[in-house]
């Protein structure tokens, strides 16, 4: 049965190896993000002028585009990584895509978790792995950098660690120039560890030139 739901796709990036999940993956970047991060590396995912340039696909149409790499995905345990922008804005689409592709491909979502909780609840039965970019756990730093509160992030982190095993979740804590310090990052890591997260990636954020 064909789905009427569509998702605005900014880009498809094939043959990524162990960068966005296990094995060979294709990164599907979708349009839309609730945040306005100062050093956003993919501003076209929330630039209104870009929306008209996106390809609006149904789950079936996306599957037809991606199935060319079916053997790579199955041989390496890889699959599809939904990113953005904010992938969970399209939770219903991702759930519908899972129905189309079945269980043979791994589905990973890259997310800030700054979305309504119902979006996360829609994804929980669908996604195999999660890459969560929390920016910083300090509410003031988060607000200054993203322009939004991190209340939803905290609430959704609690739900995620309760419903999924720590091995399914990678939490990324960037060093953001002019916004957080080494001590801030260490504090974020400690908070996350107390919540039960074990796969925590600390890394320097590289600012791309405009």
N, C-alpha and C. Protein backbone atom coordinates (compact mmCIF):
# COMPACT_ATOMS: atom_id res chain seq x y z
N UNK A 1 0.84 -1.19 0.00
CA UNK A 1 0.00 0.00 0.00
C UNK A 1 0.87 1.24 0.00
N UNK A 2 0.66 2.13 -0.92
CA UNK A 2 1.50 3.31 -1.06
C UNK A 2 1.14 4.35 -0.01
N UNK A 3 2.16 4.95 0.59
CA UNK A 3 1.96 5.99 1.59
C UNK A 3 1.78 7.34 0.93
N UNK A 4 0.91 8.16 1.51
CA UNK A 4 0.74 9.53 1.04
C UNK A 4 1.72 10.48 1.71
N UNK A 5 2.30 10.04 2.83
CA UNK A 5 3.23 10.89 3.57
C UNK A 5 4.49 11.13 2.74
N UNK A 6 5.02 12.34 2.82
CA UNK A 6 6.27 12.66 2.12
C UNK A 6 7.23 13.34 3.07
N UNK A 7 8.50 13.35 2.68
CA UNK A 7 9.54 14.04 3.44
C UNK A 7 10.40 14.85 2.48
N UNK A 8 10.70 16.11 2.82
CA UNK A 8 11.59 16.91 1.98
C UNK A 8 13.04 16.48 2.19
N UNK A 9 13.63 15.90 1.17
CA UNK A 9 14.99 15.38 1.26
C UNK A 9 15.97 16.40 0.69
N UNK A 10 16.93 16.81 1.50
CA UNK A 10 17.95 17.77 1.08
C UNK A 10 19.05 17.07 0.29
N UNK A 11 19.47 15.89 0.77
CA UNK A 11 20.55 15.17 0.09
C UNK A 11 20.58 13.71 0.50
N UNK A 12 21.17 12.88 -0.36
CA UNK A 12 21.46 11.48 -0.08
C UNK A 12 22.96 11.29 -0.23
N UNK A 13 23.59 10.78 0.80
CA UNK A 13 25.04 10.60 0.79
C UNK A 13 25.34 9.12 0.98
N UNK A 14 25.74 8.44 -0.09
CA UNK A 14 25.93 7.00 -0.09
C UNK A 14 27.33 6.58 0.35
N UNK A 15 27.43 5.29 0.69
CA UNK A 15 28.71 4.61 0.93
C UNK A 15 29.53 5.26 2.05
N UNK A 16 28.87 5.62 3.12
CA UNK A 16 29.57 6.12 4.30
C UNK A 16 29.92 4.91 5.16
N UNK A 17 31.17 4.81 5.57
CA UNK A 17 31.63 3.63 6.30
C UNK A 17 31.91 3.98 7.76
N UNK A 18 31.07 3.49 8.65
CA UNK A 18 31.25 3.62 10.10
C UNK A 18 31.31 5.07 10.56
N UNK A 19 30.72 5.99 9.81
CA UNK A 19 30.69 7.39 10.24
C UNK A 19 29.34 7.77 10.84
N UNK A 20 28.28 7.11 10.40
CA UNK A 20 26.93 7.42 10.88
C UNK A 20 26.21 6.17 11.34
N UNK A 21 26.97 5.23 11.88
CA UNK A 21 26.37 3.98 12.29
C UNK A 21 27.25 2.81 11.91
N UNK A 22 26.73 1.61 12.08
CA UNK A 22 27.48 0.39 11.81
C UNK A 22 27.54 0.13 10.31
N UNK A 23 28.71 -0.37 9.85
CA UNK A 23 28.83 -0.80 8.46
C UNK A 23 28.68 0.32 7.45
N UNK A 24 28.28 -0.06 6.24
CA UNK A 24 28.06 0.91 5.17
C UNK A 24 26.68 1.53 5.34
N UNK A 25 26.62 2.84 5.30
CA UNK A 25 25.35 3.53 5.48
C UNK A 25 25.14 4.56 4.38
N UNK A 26 23.88 4.91 4.19
CA UNK A 26 23.51 6.07 3.39
C UNK A 26 22.87 7.09 4.32
N UNK A 27 23.39 8.31 4.28
CA UNK A 27 22.85 9.38 5.11
C UNK A 27 21.77 10.12 4.34
N UNK A 28 20.57 10.13 4.90
CA UNK A 28 19.44 10.83 4.31
C UNK A 28 19.22 12.11 5.11
N UNK A 29 19.53 13.25 4.51
CA UNK A 29 19.38 14.54 5.20
C UNK A 29 18.04 15.15 4.84
N UNK A 30 17.24 15.43 5.84
CA UNK A 30 15.91 15.99 5.62
C UNK A 30 15.87 17.46 6.01
N UNK A 31 14.85 18.15 5.51
CA UNK A 31 14.71 19.58 5.77
C UNK A 31 13.95 19.81 7.08
N UNK A 32 14.37 20.84 7.80
CA UNK A 32 13.66 21.26 9.00
C UNK A 32 14.48 21.06 10.26
N UNK A 33 14.50 22.09 11.12
CA UNK A 33 15.20 22.00 12.40
C UNK A 33 14.61 23.03 13.36
N UNK A 34 14.40 22.65 14.62
CA UNK A 34 13.87 23.60 15.60
C UNK A 34 14.94 24.53 16.16
N UNK A 35 16.21 24.24 15.88
CA UNK A 35 17.31 25.01 16.46
C UNK A 35 17.90 25.97 15.44
N UNK A 36 18.59 26.98 15.95
CA UNK A 36 19.34 27.91 15.09
C UNK A 36 20.75 28.03 15.66
N UNK A 37 21.49 26.96 15.59
CA UNK A 37 22.84 26.92 16.17
C UNK A 37 23.76 27.90 15.46
N UNK A 38 24.55 28.60 16.24
CA UNK A 38 25.41 29.65 15.68
C UNK A 38 26.36 29.09 14.63
N UNK A 39 26.94 27.92 14.89
CA UNK A 39 27.92 27.35 13.96
C UNK A 39 27.34 26.16 13.19
N UNK A 40 26.08 26.20 12.88
CA UNK A 40 25.44 25.08 12.17
C UNK A 40 26.21 24.74 10.89
N UNK A 41 26.49 23.45 10.69
CA UNK A 41 27.25 23.03 9.51
C UNK A 41 26.34 22.71 8.32
N UNK A 42 25.05 22.76 8.54
CA UNK A 42 24.12 22.40 7.46
C UNK A 42 22.93 23.35 7.46
N UNK A 43 23.21 24.64 7.32
CA UNK A 43 22.15 25.65 7.41
C UNK A 43 21.10 25.51 6.32
N UNK A 44 21.45 24.84 5.24
CA UNK A 44 20.46 24.70 4.17
C UNK A 44 19.29 23.82 4.59
N UNK A 45 19.45 23.09 5.70
CA UNK A 45 18.34 22.25 6.16
C UNK A 45 17.27 23.05 6.88
N UNK A 46 17.55 24.32 7.18
CA UNK A 46 16.49 25.15 7.78
C UNK A 46 16.37 26.52 7.12
N UNK A 47 17.02 26.70 5.99
CA UNK A 47 16.89 27.92 5.21
C UNK A 47 15.60 27.83 4.38
N UNK A 48 14.62 28.70 4.62
CA UNK A 48 13.35 28.62 3.89
C UNK A 48 13.52 28.59 2.37
N UNK A 49 14.57 29.25 1.88
CA UNK A 49 14.79 29.29 0.43
C UNK A 49 15.16 27.91 -0.12
N UNK A 50 15.62 27.03 0.76
CA UNK A 50 16.06 25.70 0.33
C UNK A 50 14.89 24.73 0.18
N UNK A 51 13.79 25.00 0.86
CA UNK A 51 12.69 24.04 0.87
C UNK A 51 12.18 23.72 -0.53
N UNK A 52 12.09 24.74 -1.37
CA UNK A 52 11.58 24.52 -2.73
C UNK A 52 12.55 23.71 -3.59
N UNK A 53 13.80 23.59 -3.14
CA UNK A 53 14.80 22.83 -3.88
C UNK A 53 14.90 21.38 -3.42
N UNK A 54 14.20 21.06 -2.34
CA UNK A 54 14.22 19.69 -1.84
C UNK A 54 13.40 18.77 -2.74
N UNK A 55 13.73 17.49 -2.68
CA UNK A 55 12.95 16.48 -3.38
C UNK A 55 11.99 15.86 -2.36
N UNK A 56 10.70 16.02 -2.58
CA UNK A 56 9.71 15.48 -1.65
C UNK A 56 9.41 14.03 -2.05
N UNK A 57 9.78 13.10 -1.16
CA UNK A 57 9.67 11.68 -1.47
C UNK A 57 8.71 10.97 -0.54
N UNK A 58 8.03 9.95 -1.06
CA UNK A 58 7.28 9.03 -0.22
C UNK A 58 8.26 7.97 0.29
N UNK A 59 7.88 7.20 1.32
CA UNK A 59 8.75 6.12 1.77
C UNK A 59 9.11 5.15 0.66
N UNK A 60 8.16 4.84 -0.21
CA UNK A 60 8.42 3.92 -1.31
C UNK A 60 9.43 4.49 -2.30
N UNK A 61 9.30 5.78 -2.59
CA UNK A 61 10.23 6.42 -3.52
C UNK A 61 11.63 6.46 -2.94
N UNK A 62 11.74 6.73 -1.65
CA UNK A 62 13.06 6.73 -1.02
C UNK A 62 13.66 5.33 -1.03
N UNK A 63 12.85 4.34 -0.72
CA UNK A 63 13.33 2.96 -0.75
C UNK A 63 13.86 2.59 -2.13
N UNK A 64 13.15 2.98 -3.16
CA UNK A 64 13.58 2.68 -4.53
C UNK A 64 14.94 3.31 -4.84
N UNK A 65 15.20 4.47 -4.25
CA UNK A 65 16.49 5.15 -4.45
C UNK A 65 17.61 4.43 -3.71
N UNK A 66 17.29 3.89 -2.54
CA UNK A 66 18.32 3.35 -1.66
C UNK A 66 18.61 1.87 -1.86
N UNK A 67 17.69 1.14 -2.46
CA UNK A 67 17.85 -0.32 -2.53
C UNK A 67 19.01 -0.75 -3.42
N UNK A 68 19.58 0.16 -4.19
CA UNK A 68 20.74 -0.16 -5.01
C UNK A 68 21.90 -0.66 -4.14
N UNK A 69 21.93 -0.23 -2.87
CA UNK A 69 23.01 -0.62 -1.97
C UNK A 69 22.59 -1.72 -0.99
N UNK A 70 21.54 -2.43 -1.31
CA UNK A 70 21.01 -3.47 -0.43
C UNK A 70 22.08 -4.48 -0.03
N UNK A 71 22.88 -4.95 -0.97
CA UNK A 71 23.91 -5.95 -0.66
C UNK A 71 24.96 -5.40 0.29
N UNK A 72 25.35 -4.13 0.10
CA UNK A 72 26.32 -3.52 1.01
C UNK A 72 25.76 -3.45 2.43
N UNK A 73 24.51 -3.03 2.54
CA UNK A 73 23.90 -2.90 3.86
C UNK A 73 23.84 -4.25 4.57
N UNK A 74 23.38 -5.26 3.86
CA UNK A 74 23.21 -6.58 4.47
C UNK A 74 24.56 -7.21 4.82
N UNK A 75 25.54 -7.06 3.93
CA UNK A 75 26.86 -7.68 4.16
C UNK A 75 27.60 -7.06 5.34
N UNK A 76 27.36 -5.76 5.59
CA UNK A 76 28.12 -5.06 6.64
C UNK A 76 27.30 -4.77 7.89
N UNK A 77 26.02 -5.12 7.86
CA UNK A 77 25.16 -4.79 8.99
C UNK A 77 24.78 -3.33 9.02
N UNK A 78 24.92 -2.66 7.88
CA UNK A 78 24.64 -1.23 7.82
C UNK A 78 23.21 -0.94 7.43
N UNK A 79 23.01 0.26 6.91
CA UNK A 79 21.65 0.65 6.53
C UNK A 79 21.52 2.14 6.32
N UNK A 80 20.45 2.69 6.85
CA UNK A 80 20.11 4.08 6.60
C UNK A 80 20.24 4.90 7.87
N UNK A 81 20.87 6.06 7.74
CA UNK A 81 20.91 7.02 8.83
C UNK A 81 20.09 8.24 8.43
N UNK A 82 19.10 8.55 9.22
CA UNK A 82 18.28 9.74 8.98
C UNK A 82 18.85 10.90 9.79
N UNK A 83 19.26 11.96 9.07
CA UNK A 83 19.80 13.13 9.72
C UNK A 83 19.10 14.38 9.22
N UNK A 84 19.75 15.49 9.40
CA UNK A 84 19.10 16.75 8.99
C UNK A 84 20.07 17.89 9.06
N UNK A 85 19.58 19.00 9.57
CA UNK A 85 18.28 19.20 10.20
C UNK A 85 18.00 18.25 11.37
N UNK A 86 16.74 18.18 11.70
CA UNK A 86 16.28 17.32 12.79
C UNK A 86 15.43 16.19 12.23
N UNK A 87 15.99 15.00 12.28
CA UNK A 87 15.33 13.84 11.67
C UNK A 87 13.99 13.52 12.33
N UNK A 88 13.89 13.73 13.64
CA UNK A 88 12.67 13.32 14.34
C UNK A 88 11.48 14.21 14.04
N UNK A 89 11.69 15.32 13.36
CA UNK A 89 10.54 16.09 12.88
C UNK A 89 9.75 15.26 11.87
N UNK A 90 10.40 14.25 11.31
CA UNK A 90 9.78 13.38 10.30
C UNK A 90 9.63 11.95 10.84
N UNK A 91 9.31 11.85 12.12
CA UNK A 91 9.20 10.54 12.76
C UNK A 91 8.17 9.64 12.08
N UNK A 92 7.04 10.20 11.69
CA UNK A 92 6.01 9.40 11.03
C UNK A 92 6.51 8.84 9.70
N UNK A 93 7.27 9.64 8.98
CA UNK A 93 7.83 9.18 7.71
C UNK A 93 8.81 8.03 7.95
N UNK A 94 9.68 8.19 8.94
CA UNK A 94 10.67 7.15 9.21
C UNK A 94 9.98 5.84 9.62
N UNK A 95 8.93 5.96 10.42
CA UNK A 95 8.17 4.77 10.80
C UNK A 95 7.54 4.10 9.57
N UNK A 96 7.03 4.91 8.66
CA UNK A 96 6.45 4.36 7.42
C UNK A 96 7.52 3.74 6.54
N UNK A 97 8.72 4.34 6.54
CA UNK A 97 9.83 3.79 5.76
C UNK A 97 10.22 2.42 6.29
N UNK A 98 10.21 2.26 7.61
CA UNK A 98 10.54 0.96 8.19
C UNK A 98 9.57 -0.11 7.72
N UNK A 99 8.31 0.24 7.58
CA UNK A 99 7.33 -0.73 7.09
C UNK A 99 7.66 -1.15 5.66
N UNK A 100 8.20 -0.21 4.88
CA UNK A 100 8.52 -0.50 3.49
C UNK A 100 9.78 -1.36 3.37
N UNK A 101 10.82 -0.99 4.10
CA UNK A 101 12.11 -1.69 3.95
C UNK A 101 12.19 -2.96 4.78
N UNK A 102 11.32 -3.10 5.77
CA UNK A 102 11.38 -4.27 6.62
C UNK A 102 12.51 -4.17 7.63
N UNK A 103 12.93 -5.30 8.16
CA UNK A 103 13.92 -5.31 9.24
C UNK A 103 15.34 -5.59 8.75
N UNK A 104 15.53 -5.71 7.43
CA UNK A 104 16.84 -6.14 6.92
C UNK A 104 17.92 -5.06 7.03
N UNK A 105 17.53 -3.78 7.05
CA UNK A 105 18.49 -2.70 7.15
C UNK A 105 18.44 -2.09 8.55
N UNK A 106 19.61 -1.70 9.04
CA UNK A 106 19.64 -0.97 10.30
C UNK A 106 19.20 0.47 10.05
N UNK A 107 18.37 0.99 10.92
CA UNK A 107 17.98 2.40 10.85
C UNK A 107 18.56 3.13 12.06
N UNK A 108 19.32 4.16 11.76
CA UNK A 108 19.91 5.03 12.78
C UNK A 108 19.32 6.42 12.62
N UNK A 109 19.08 7.10 13.73
CA UNK A 109 18.62 8.48 13.65
C UNK A 109 19.63 9.39 14.34
N UNK A 110 19.98 10.46 13.65
CA UNK A 110 20.79 11.53 14.25
C UNK A 110 19.81 12.60 14.71
N UNK A 111 19.90 13.00 15.97
CA UNK A 111 18.90 13.89 16.52
C UNK A 111 19.45 14.76 17.64
N UNK A 112 18.84 15.91 17.82
CA UNK A 112 19.14 16.76 18.97
C UNK A 112 18.23 16.40 20.14
N UNK A 113 17.18 15.62 19.87
CA UNK A 113 16.12 15.28 20.82
C UNK A 113 15.32 16.49 21.27
N UNK A 114 15.50 17.63 20.62
CA UNK A 114 14.71 18.80 20.98
C UNK A 114 13.43 18.81 20.15
N UNK A 115 12.60 17.83 20.43
CA UNK A 115 11.34 17.63 19.71
C UNK A 115 10.27 17.22 20.71
N UNK A 116 9.00 17.37 20.35
CA UNK A 116 7.94 16.86 21.23
C UNK A 116 8.14 15.38 21.52
N UNK A 117 7.85 14.97 22.74
CA UNK A 117 8.09 13.59 23.15
C UNK A 117 7.37 12.58 22.28
N UNK A 118 6.19 12.96 21.74
CA UNK A 118 5.47 12.00 20.89
C UNK A 118 6.27 11.61 19.65
N UNK A 119 7.15 12.51 19.19
CA UNK A 119 8.01 12.18 18.05
C UNK A 119 8.98 11.06 18.43
N UNK A 120 9.58 11.18 19.61
CA UNK A 120 10.49 10.14 20.07
C UNK A 120 9.75 8.82 20.27
N UNK A 121 8.57 8.88 20.85
CA UNK A 121 7.81 7.66 21.10
C UNK A 121 7.45 6.95 19.80
N UNK A 122 7.25 7.71 18.73
CA UNK A 122 6.97 7.12 17.42
C UNK A 122 8.18 6.37 16.89
N UNK A 123 9.37 6.89 17.19
CA UNK A 123 10.62 6.32 16.66
C UNK A 123 11.11 5.11 17.45
N UNK A 124 10.81 5.05 18.73
CA UNK A 124 11.38 4.01 19.59
C UNK A 124 11.19 2.59 19.06
N UNK A 125 10.03 2.21 18.52
CA UNK A 125 9.89 0.85 18.00
C UNK A 125 10.55 0.65 16.64
N UNK A 126 11.05 1.73 16.05
CA UNK A 126 11.50 1.71 14.65
C UNK A 126 13.01 1.73 14.50
N UNK A 127 13.68 2.59 15.24
CA UNK A 127 15.12 2.80 15.06
C UNK A 127 15.94 1.78 15.86
N UNK A 128 17.06 1.39 15.26
CA UNK A 128 17.98 0.45 15.91
C UNK A 128 19.06 1.17 16.72
N UNK A 129 19.41 2.38 16.30
CA UNK A 129 20.50 3.10 16.96
C UNK A 129 20.21 4.60 16.91
N UNK A 130 20.84 5.30 17.86
CA UNK A 130 20.60 6.73 18.02
C UNK A 130 21.93 7.46 18.19
N UNK A 131 22.09 8.55 17.45
CA UNK A 131 23.23 9.44 17.62
C UNK A 131 22.65 10.77 18.08
N UNK A 132 22.94 11.14 19.33
CA UNK A 132 22.31 12.30 19.94
C UNK A 132 23.34 13.41 20.15
N UNK A 133 23.08 14.56 19.56
CA UNK A 133 23.96 15.72 19.72
C UNK A 133 23.32 16.63 20.76
N UNK A 134 23.86 16.64 21.98
CA UNK A 134 23.22 17.40 23.05
C UNK A 134 23.79 18.81 23.21
N UNK A 135 24.80 19.16 22.38
CA UNK A 135 25.44 20.49 22.47
C UNK A 135 26.12 20.64 23.83
N UNK A 136 25.35 20.96 24.87
CA UNK A 136 25.88 21.06 26.23
C UNK A 136 24.71 20.86 27.18
N UNK A 137 24.95 20.22 28.31
CA UNK A 137 23.87 19.96 29.25
C UNK A 137 23.52 21.18 30.10
N UNK A 138 24.39 22.19 30.10
CA UNK A 138 24.11 23.41 30.84
C UNK A 138 23.00 24.20 30.13
N UNK A 139 21.87 24.47 30.80
CA UNK A 139 20.75 25.14 30.13
C UNK A 139 21.11 26.51 29.55
N UNK A 140 21.94 27.26 30.24
CA UNK A 140 22.30 28.60 29.77
C UNK A 140 23.17 28.53 28.52
N UNK A 141 24.13 27.62 28.52
CA UNK A 141 24.99 27.45 27.35
C UNK A 141 24.17 26.97 26.16
N UNK A 142 23.30 26.01 26.42
CA UNK A 142 22.45 25.46 25.35
C UNK A 142 21.58 26.56 24.74
N UNK A 143 20.95 27.35 25.58
CA UNK A 143 20.07 28.42 25.11
C UNK A 143 20.85 29.44 24.29
N UNK A 144 22.04 29.80 24.76
CA UNK A 144 22.85 30.80 24.06
C UNK A 144 23.29 30.30 22.69
N UNK A 145 23.60 29.01 22.60
CA UNK A 145 24.11 28.48 21.33
C UNK A 145 23.02 28.13 20.33
N UNK A 146 21.92 27.58 20.82
CA UNK A 146 20.88 27.08 19.91
C UNK A 146 19.68 28.00 19.76
N UNK A 147 19.51 28.91 20.72
CA UNK A 147 18.34 29.76 20.71
C UNK A 147 17.11 29.10 21.30
N UNK A 148 17.28 27.92 21.90
CA UNK A 148 16.14 27.19 22.46
C UNK A 148 16.49 26.64 23.84
N UNK A 149 15.46 26.33 24.61
CA UNK A 149 15.63 25.66 25.89
C UNK A 149 15.99 24.19 25.65
N UNK A 150 16.68 23.58 26.62
CA UNK A 150 16.98 22.15 26.48
C UNK A 150 16.09 21.29 27.38
N UNK A 151 14.96 21.85 27.83
CA UNK A 151 14.05 21.07 28.68
C UNK A 151 13.58 19.79 27.98
N UNK A 152 13.20 19.92 26.71
CA UNK A 152 12.75 18.74 25.97
C UNK A 152 13.88 17.72 25.81
N UNK A 153 15.09 18.21 25.62
CA UNK A 153 16.24 17.32 25.46
C UNK A 153 16.40 16.45 26.71
N UNK A 154 16.36 17.09 27.88
CA UNK A 154 16.53 16.36 29.13
C UNK A 154 15.43 15.32 29.30
N UNK A 155 14.19 15.74 29.07
CA UNK A 155 13.06 14.81 29.21
C UNK A 155 13.20 13.62 28.26
N UNK A 156 13.58 13.90 27.03
CA UNK A 156 13.69 12.83 26.03
C UNK A 156 14.89 11.92 26.28
N UNK A 157 15.97 12.48 26.81
CA UNK A 157 17.11 11.64 27.19
C UNK A 157 16.70 10.62 28.24
N UNK A 158 15.90 11.05 29.21
CA UNK A 158 15.45 10.14 30.27
C UNK A 158 14.60 9.01 29.70
N UNK A 159 13.74 9.34 28.75
CA UNK A 159 12.90 8.32 28.12
C UNK A 159 13.75 7.36 27.29
N UNK A 160 14.69 7.92 26.54
CA UNK A 160 15.52 7.11 25.65
C UNK A 160 16.34 6.09 26.42
N UNK A 161 16.98 6.51 27.50
CA UNK A 161 17.83 5.59 28.25
C UNK A 161 16.99 4.56 29.01
N UNK A 162 15.75 4.89 29.29
CA UNK A 162 14.85 3.94 29.94
C UNK A 162 14.37 2.86 28.97
N UNK A 163 14.13 3.26 27.73
CA UNK A 163 13.52 2.35 26.75
C UNK A 163 14.54 1.58 25.90
N UNK A 164 15.76 2.10 25.79
CA UNK A 164 16.77 1.48 24.95
C UNK A 164 18.02 1.17 25.77
N UNK A 165 18.83 0.22 25.28
CA UNK A 165 20.06 -0.11 25.98
C UNK A 165 21.12 0.94 25.67
N UNK A 166 22.06 1.17 26.60
CA UNK A 166 23.11 2.17 26.37
C UNK A 166 23.92 1.90 25.10
N UNK A 167 24.03 0.62 24.72
CA UNK A 167 24.81 0.26 23.53
C UNK A 167 24.17 0.77 22.24
N UNK A 168 22.90 1.10 22.29
CA UNK A 168 22.21 1.59 21.10
C UNK A 168 22.30 3.11 20.94
N UNK A 169 22.91 3.77 21.91
CA UNK A 169 22.87 5.24 21.93
C UNK A 169 24.28 5.81 22.02
N UNK A 170 24.62 6.67 21.09
CA UNK A 170 25.85 7.45 21.20
C UNK A 170 25.48 8.90 21.44
N UNK A 171 26.02 9.48 22.50
CA UNK A 171 25.76 10.89 22.82
C UNK A 171 27.01 11.69 22.52
N UNK A 172 26.85 12.75 21.75
CA UNK A 172 27.99 13.55 21.31
C UNK A 172 28.01 14.89 22.06
N UNK A 173 29.18 15.20 22.61
CA UNK A 173 29.37 16.44 23.37
C UNK A 173 30.48 17.24 22.71
N UNK A 174 30.15 18.26 21.95
CA UNK A 174 31.17 19.03 21.23
C UNK A 174 31.79 20.14 22.09
N UNK A 175 33.05 20.43 21.79
CA UNK A 175 33.70 21.63 22.34
C UNK A 175 33.37 22.76 21.38
N UNK A 176 32.52 23.68 21.82
CA UNK A 176 32.03 24.74 20.95
C UNK A 176 32.77 26.03 21.26
N UNK A 177 33.59 26.52 20.33
CA UNK A 177 34.35 27.75 20.58
C UNK A 177 33.46 28.90 21.03
N UNK A 178 33.89 29.58 22.09
CA UNK A 178 33.22 30.76 22.63
C UNK A 178 31.95 30.43 23.42
N UNK A 179 31.62 29.15 23.53
CA UNK A 179 30.38 28.81 24.24
C UNK A 179 30.59 27.90 25.44
N UNK A 180 31.38 26.82 25.29
CA UNK A 180 31.60 25.97 26.46
C UNK A 180 33.09 25.71 26.66
N UNK A 181 33.44 25.38 27.89
CA UNK A 181 34.83 25.14 28.27
C UNK A 181 35.05 23.64 28.51
N UNK A 182 36.29 23.30 28.74
CA UNK A 182 36.61 21.90 29.07
C UNK A 182 35.85 21.46 30.31
N UNK A 183 35.76 22.36 31.28
CA UNK A 183 35.03 22.05 32.51
C UNK A 183 33.54 21.85 32.24
N UNK A 184 32.99 22.66 31.35
CA UNK A 184 31.58 22.50 30.98
C UNK A 184 31.34 21.13 30.35
N UNK A 185 32.26 20.73 29.48
CA UNK A 185 32.12 19.44 28.81
C UNK A 185 32.23 18.29 29.82
N UNK A 186 33.17 18.40 30.74
CA UNK A 186 33.33 17.37 31.75
C UNK A 186 32.07 17.25 32.60
N UNK A 187 31.46 18.40 32.89
CA UNK A 187 30.21 18.39 33.66
C UNK A 187 29.10 17.70 32.88
N UNK A 188 29.02 17.98 31.57
CA UNK A 188 28.01 17.33 30.73
C UNK A 188 28.20 15.82 30.72
N UNK A 189 29.45 15.38 30.59
CA UNK A 189 29.75 13.94 30.57
C UNK A 189 29.33 13.29 31.89
N UNK A 190 29.62 13.95 32.99
CA UNK A 190 29.27 13.39 34.30
C UNK A 190 27.76 13.26 34.46
N UNK A 191 27.03 14.27 34.01
CA UNK A 191 25.56 14.22 34.09
C UNK A 191 25.03 13.07 33.25
N UNK A 192 25.56 12.93 32.04
CA UNK A 192 25.11 11.86 31.15
C UNK A 192 25.44 10.48 31.71
N UNK A 193 26.61 10.34 32.30
CA UNK A 193 26.99 9.06 32.90
C UNK A 193 26.06 8.70 34.05
N UNK A 194 25.69 9.69 34.85
CA UNK A 194 24.77 9.44 35.96
C UNK A 194 23.39 9.02 35.46
N UNK A 195 23.04 9.48 34.26
CA UNK A 195 21.76 9.10 33.67
C UNK A 195 21.80 7.68 33.12
N UNK A 196 23.02 7.14 32.92
CA UNK A 196 23.15 5.77 32.44
C UNK A 196 23.77 5.62 31.07
N UNK A 197 24.16 6.73 30.44
CA UNK A 197 24.77 6.65 29.11
C UNK A 197 26.23 6.25 29.24
N UNK A 198 26.68 5.39 28.35
CA UNK A 198 28.06 4.89 28.40
C UNK A 198 28.87 5.24 27.16
N UNK A 199 28.22 5.40 26.02
CA UNK A 199 28.91 5.74 24.77
C UNK A 199 28.80 7.25 24.57
N UNK A 200 29.78 7.96 25.09
CA UNK A 200 29.77 9.43 25.04
C UNK A 200 30.99 9.90 24.28
N UNK A 201 30.77 10.61 23.21
CA UNK A 201 31.85 11.08 22.35
C UNK A 201 32.10 12.57 22.59
N UNK A 202 33.29 12.89 23.03
CA UNK A 202 33.70 14.28 23.23
C UNK A 202 34.63 14.65 22.08
N UNK A 203 34.34 15.76 21.42
CA UNK A 203 35.13 16.10 20.23
C UNK A 203 35.16 17.61 20.02
N UNK A 204 36.21 18.10 19.35
CA UNK A 204 36.28 19.54 19.03
C UNK A 204 35.38 19.88 17.86
N UNK A 205 34.60 20.91 17.99
CA UNK A 205 33.72 21.35 16.91
C UNK A 205 34.51 22.22 15.95
N UNK A 206 34.53 21.83 14.68
CA UNK A 206 35.27 22.58 13.67
C UNK A 206 34.31 23.53 12.96
N UNK A 207 34.60 24.81 13.04
CA UNK A 207 33.75 25.82 12.42
C UNK A 207 34.09 25.92 10.94
N UNK A 208 33.08 25.74 10.12
CA UNK A 208 33.29 25.83 8.68
C UNK A 208 33.15 27.28 8.23
N UNK A 209 34.02 27.66 7.32
CA UNK A 209 33.95 29.01 6.78
C UNK A 209 32.71 29.15 5.90
N UNK A 210 32.06 30.32 5.99
CA UNK A 210 30.88 30.58 5.15
C UNK A 210 31.30 30.72 3.69
